[in-house]
């Protein structure tokens, strides 16, 4: 997790550290110590010399925190250019963006700690709400799974269990949809495969049946198995809010 760490770095060491890691943009940076912060943009502000924690994320977003409170003292949700230079023997970090035009300048006075951290993204991501709410929302908004999809039934009973969503696509093919709130694994793939086989067994031989696994993400082994079974994966990250669905005559 810790790629590099400097304790009480010199200005030269700190500037080299920041330059090295902001070029790659593949880790989270933390810098803690005495600094002075100035901001120019839609307004202007100066934070007197004090103890601050600077956090620079892989997407270029910048946060500067006071020792107290949960909100950053200064932040930029996006940066277009980040530089670390030496001025009068001190390291200066400059983060700027063009739209809107804003610049944050951090004069590093006495830095005690600089860290480069490797942090994985979206580990254990789970869609908000229950699986039943996810099912209800997608039943009302099947276009989130695929344009032209029409839901025929929910919780359709089969010989191997209840199918989350039973639908038809724009070409008239039957579609079996298995939903997962969290990362889909082999179990979900095999479950979907059993449902598809059960539906095929009940339909005329000429009927075409597709299987779709809808989830925020899927493990690599599960994705390979899914492909081998000629089933499909649909990444579902964001759903309409409960309030929005309720306003439209919701199903929750």
Protein backbone atom coordinates (compact mmCIF):
# COMPACT_ATOMS: atom_id res chain seq x y z
CA UNK A 1 0.00 0.00 0.00
CA UNK A 2 2.82 2.45 0.80
CA UNK A 3 4.77 2.97 -2.39
CA UNK A 4 7.10 5.62 -1.03
CA UNK A 5 7.43 7.53 2.22
CA UNK A 6 9.62 10.45 3.22
CA UNK A 7 10.09 11.63 6.81
CA UNK A 8 11.12 15.27 7.23
CA UNK A 9 12.14 15.61 3.57
CA UNK A 10 14.27 18.50 2.36
CA UNK A 11 12.72 20.91 -0.13
CA UNK A 12 14.69 19.28 -2.95
CA UNK A 13 13.58 15.77 -1.92
CA UNK A 14 9.95 16.89 -1.61
CA UNK A 15 9.89 18.62 -5.00
CA UNK A 16 11.37 15.52 -6.65
CA UNK A 17 8.86 13.28 -4.83
CA UNK A 18 5.86 15.37 -5.93
CA UNK A 19 7.10 15.70 -9.51
CA UNK A 20 7.72 11.98 -9.79
CA UNK A 21 4.30 10.91 -8.58
CA UNK A 22 2.18 13.63 -10.18
CA UNK A 23 3.61 12.62 -13.55
CA UNK A 24 2.34 9.05 -13.21
CA UNK A 25 -0.99 9.96 -11.50
CA UNK A 26 -1.38 6.37 -10.30
CA UNK A 27 -1.31 6.78 -6.52
CA UNK A 28 -2.72 8.92 -3.74
CA UNK A 29 -0.35 11.50 -2.24
CA UNK A 30 -0.41 12.84 1.31
CA UNK A 31 1.78 15.67 2.56
CA UNK A 32 1.59 16.85 6.18
CA UNK A 33 3.33 19.73 7.89
CA UNK A 34 3.70 23.51 8.08
CA UNK A 35 2.57 25.30 4.92
CA UNK A 36 1.01 28.47 3.58
CA UNK A 37 -1.86 28.26 1.09
CA UNK A 38 -3.10 30.87 -1.38
CA UNK A 39 -6.01 30.63 -3.81
CA UNK A 40 -6.83 32.69 -6.89
CA UNK A 41 -9.94 32.15 -8.98
CA UNK A 42 -13.61 33.00 -8.55
CA UNK A 43 -12.45 34.62 -5.32
CA UNK A 44 -9.12 35.00 -3.53
CA UNK A 45 -7.95 33.69 -0.18
CA UNK A 46 -4.82 33.17 1.86
CA UNK A 47 -4.35 30.72 4.71
CA UNK A 48 -1.61 31.83 7.05
CA UNK A 49 1.23 29.50 7.87
CA UNK A 50 -0.11 26.55 9.84
CA UNK A 51 -0.23 22.76 10.04
CA UNK A 52 -2.14 21.23 7.15
CA UNK A 53 -2.74 17.89 5.46
CA UNK A 54 -2.64 17.96 1.67
CA UNK A 55 -4.28 15.08 -0.25
CA UNK A 56 -3.82 14.69 -3.99
CA UNK A 57 -5.76 11.85 -5.63
CA UNK A 58 -5.15 9.92 -8.84
CA UNK A 59 -7.88 11.84 -10.69
CA UNK A 60 -6.11 15.13 -9.96
CA UNK A 61 -8.51 16.27 -7.24
CA UNK A 62 -6.87 18.23 -4.44
CA UNK A 63 -7.89 18.70 -0.80
CA UNK A 64 -6.18 20.70 1.93
CA UNK A 65 -7.36 20.02 5.48
CA UNK A 66 -7.14 21.89 8.79
CA UNK A 67 -6.24 19.85 11.88
CA UNK A 68 -9.98 19.91 12.81
CA UNK A 69 -13.27 19.44 11.00
CA UNK A 70 -14.40 17.13 8.21
CA UNK A 71 -14.48 19.65 5.36
CA UNK A 72 -11.31 20.66 3.53
CA UNK A 73 -10.15 24.24 3.90
CA UNK A 74 -9.46 24.38 0.18
CA UNK A 75 -10.08 21.96 -2.62
CA UNK A 76 -10.18 21.50 -6.39
CA UNK A 77 -12.41 18.73 -7.81
CA UNK A 78 -10.26 18.61 -10.92
CA UNK A 79 -6.84 19.94 -11.88
CA UNK A 80 -5.38 20.42 -15.34
CA UNK A 81 -1.79 21.07 -14.29
CA UNK A 82 0.24 20.31 -11.19
CA UNK A 83 3.83 21.43 -10.70
CA UNK A 84 6.35 21.24 -7.87
CA UNK A 85 9.14 23.81 -8.02
CA UNK A 86 11.83 25.29 -5.79
CA UNK A 87 11.54 28.95 -4.82
CA UNK A 88 14.04 30.57 -2.43
CA UNK A 89 15.01 27.13 -1.17
CA UNK A 90 11.43 26.02 -0.48
CA UNK A 91 9.16 23.60 -2.31
CA UNK A 92 6.05 25.11 -3.91
CA UNK A 93 3.15 23.02 -5.21
CA UNK A 94 0.92 24.76 -7.76
CA UNK A 95 -2.36 23.16 -8.86
CA UNK A 96 -4.42 24.90 -11.52
CA UNK A 97 -7.36 24.34 -13.81
CA UNK A 98 -8.74 26.27 -16.76
CA UNK A 99 -12.52 25.98 -16.44
CA UNK A 100 -13.11 27.82 -14.25
CA UNK A 101 -9.70 29.46 -14.02
CA UNK A 102 -8.40 28.63 -10.54
CA UNK A 103 -5.00 28.19 -8.93
CA UNK A 104 -4.03 26.83 -5.53
CA UNK A 105 -0.46 27.52 -4.44
CA UNK A 106 1.02 25.70 -1.44
CA UNK A 107 4.30 26.95 -0.01
CA UNK A 108 5.83 24.03 1.93
CA UNK A 109 7.55 25.46 5.00
CA UNK A 110 8.34 22.50 7.24
CA UNK A 111 7.01 19.18 5.97
CA UNK A 112 7.14 16.22 8.34
CA UNK A 113 5.66 13.49 6.16
CA UNK A 114 5.13 12.76 2.46
CA UNK A 115 3.51 9.51 1.35
CA UNK A 116 2.58 7.88 -1.95
CA UNK A 117 -0.15 5.28 -1.36
CA UNK A 118 -1.47 2.61 -3.71
CA UNK A 119 -5.21 2.27 -3.10
CA UNK A 120 -7.46 -0.02 -5.11
CA UNK A 121 -10.62 1.38 -6.65
CA UNK A 122 -14.20 0.21 -6.19
CA UNK A 123 -13.42 -2.71 -3.91
CA UNK A 124 -16.66 -4.23 -2.67
CA UNK A 125 -18.83 -1.65 -4.45
CA UNK A 126 -22.52 -2.17 -3.64
CA UNK A 127 -25.51 -0.39 -5.18
CA UNK A 128 -27.49 1.52 -2.55
CA UNK A 129 -30.74 -0.08 -1.48
CA UNK A 130 -31.87 -3.68 -1.33
CA UNK A 131 -31.82 -6.17 -4.19
CA UNK A 132 -35.63 -5.97 -4.21
CA UNK A 133 -35.41 -2.19 -4.73
CA UNK A 134 -32.89 -2.70 -7.51
CA UNK A 135 -35.25 -5.19 -9.14
CA UNK A 136 -38.23 -2.84 -8.82
CA UNK A 137 -36.32 0.09 -10.27
CA UNK A 138 -35.00 -1.86 -13.25
CA UNK A 139 -38.45 -3.31 -13.87
CA UNK A 140 -39.70 0.26 -14.22
CA UNK A 141 -36.59 1.40 -16.14
CA UNK A 142 -35.51 -1.63 -18.24
CA UNK A 143 -33.78 0.74 -20.65
CA UNK A 144 -31.00 0.99 -18.07
CA UNK A 145 -30.22 -2.62 -18.86
CA UNK A 146 -30.76 -2.32 -22.61
CA UNK A 147 -32.71 0.04 -24.88
CA UNK A 148 -35.86 -1.59 -26.24
CA UNK A 149 -36.13 -4.13 -23.41
CA UNK A 150 -39.68 -4.88 -22.22
CA UNK A 151 -40.22 -6.60 -18.87
CA UNK A 152 -42.78 -9.41 -18.99
CA UNK A 153 -42.57 -10.60 -15.40
CA UNK A 154 -40.73 -10.25 -12.07
CA UNK A 155 -39.85 -13.12 -9.75
CA UNK A 156 -40.98 -15.57 -12.43
CA UNK A 157 -41.08 -19.06 -10.95
CA UNK A 158 -39.01 -21.71 -12.70
CA UNK A 159 -37.99 -25.28 -11.90
CA UNK A 160 -34.66 -24.00 -10.48
CA UNK A 161 -35.78 -20.84 -8.67
CA UNK A 162 -37.35 -17.42 -9.16
CA UNK A 163 -36.06 -15.35 -12.09
CA UNK A 164 -35.45 -11.69 -11.17
CA UNK A 165 -36.64 -10.22 -14.47
CA UNK A 166 -38.12 -11.99 -17.49
CA UNK A 167 -38.21 -9.81 -20.57
CA UNK A 168 -38.19 -9.50 -24.36
CA UNK A 169 -35.66 -7.47 -26.34
CA UNK A 170 -36.25 -5.23 -29.36
CA UNK A 171 -35.79 -8.24 -31.69
CA UNK A 172 -38.41 -10.31 -29.90
CA UNK A 173 -35.94 -12.61 -28.14
CA UNK A 174 -36.66 -13.72 -24.58
CA UNK A 175 -34.28 -12.35 -21.96
CA UNK A 176 -33.54 -13.74 -18.50
CA UNK A 177 -32.00 -11.12 -16.18
CA UNK A 178 -30.20 -11.98 -12.94
CA UNK A 179 -29.48 -9.01 -10.65
CA UNK A 180 -26.70 -8.56 -8.09
CA UNK A 181 -26.12 -5.49 -5.87
CA UNK A 182 -22.44 -6.31 -5.35
CA UNK A 183 -19.66 -7.69 -7.54
CA UNK A 184 -20.91 -10.74 -9.46
CA UNK A 185 -19.08 -14.03 -8.94
CA UNK A 186 -19.15 -17.56 -10.36
CA UNK A 187 -22.25 -18.36 -8.30
CA UNK A 188 -24.26 -15.66 -10.07
CA UNK A 189 -23.08 -16.88 -13.49
CA UNK A 190 -24.10 -20.47 -12.78
CA UNK A 191 -27.42 -19.30 -11.34
CA UNK A 192 -28.15 -17.34 -14.52
CA UNK A 193 -27.14 -20.31 -16.67
CA UNK A 194 -29.60 -22.57 -14.84
CA UNK A 195 -32.42 -20.05 -15.28
CA UNK A 196 -31.73 -19.73 -19.02
CA UNK A 197 -31.74 -23.51 -19.45
CA UNK A 198 -35.02 -23.77 -17.52
CA UNK A 199 -36.70 -21.14 -19.72
CA UNK A 200 -35.41 -22.74 -22.94
CA UNK A 201 -36.87 -26.07 -21.83
CA UNK A 202 -40.34 -24.50 -21.58
CA UNK A 203 -40.31 -22.60 -24.89
CA UNK A 204 -40.61 -23.85 -28.48
CA UNK A 205 -37.29 -25.02 -29.92
CA UNK A 206 -37.09 -22.07 -32.33
CA UNK A 207 -37.41 -19.51 -29.52
CA UNK A 208 -34.22 -17.62 -28.75
CA UNK A 209 -33.29 -16.94 -25.14
CA UNK A 210 -30.60 -14.58 -23.89
CA UNK A 211 -29.17 -14.34 -20.39
CA UNK A 212 -28.00 -11.05 -18.85
CA UNK A 213 -26.19 -10.68 -15.53
CA UNK A 214 -26.65 -7.10 -14.26
CA UNK A 215 -24.35 -5.91 -11.47
CA UNK A 216 -21.93 -3.08 -10.56
CA UNK A 217 -18.94 -5.24 -11.53
CA UNK A 218 -17.85 -8.83 -12.10
CA UNK A 219 -14.78 -10.85 -11.17
CA UNK A 220 -12.43 -11.75 -14.01
CA UNK A 221 -12.92 -15.54 -13.66
CA UNK A 222 -16.71 -15.08 -13.61
CA UNK A 223 -16.56 -12.88 -16.72
CA UNK A 224 -14.58 -15.56 -18.58
CA UNK A 225 -17.10 -18.24 -17.58
CA UNK A 226 -19.98 -15.96 -18.63
CA UNK A 227 -18.41 -15.45 -22.05
CA UNK A 228 -17.82 -19.18 -22.45
CA UNK A 229 -21.51 -19.86 -21.76
CA UNK A 230 -22.49 -17.17 -24.32
CA UNK A 231 -24.22 -15.14 -21.66
CA UNK A 232 -23.93 -11.37 -21.20
CA UNK A 233 -22.91 -8.87 -18.53
CA UNK A 234 -24.42 -5.42 -18.05
CA UNK A 235 -22.66 -2.99 -15.72
CA UNK A 236 -25.20 -1.18 -13.55
CA UNK A 237 -23.69 1.57 -11.38
CA UNK A 238 -26.35 4.21 -10.90
CA UNK A 239 -30.09 3.84 -10.48
CA UNK A 240 -32.84 6.48 -10.30
CA UNK A 241 -33.45 7.49 -6.71
CA UNK A 242 -36.21 5.99 -4.62
CA UNK A 243 -37.90 9.38 -4.48
CA UNK A 244 -37.82 9.74 -8.28
CA UNK A 245 -39.29 6.28 -8.81
CA UNK A 246 -41.94 6.87 -6.16
CA UNK A 247 -42.92 10.14 -7.84
CA UNK A 248 -43.55 8.19 -11.03
CA UNK A 249 -45.80 5.69 -9.25
CA UNK A 250 -42.96 3.69 -7.73
CA UNK A 251 -42.81 0.02 -6.97
CA UNK A 252 -41.03 0.15 -3.61
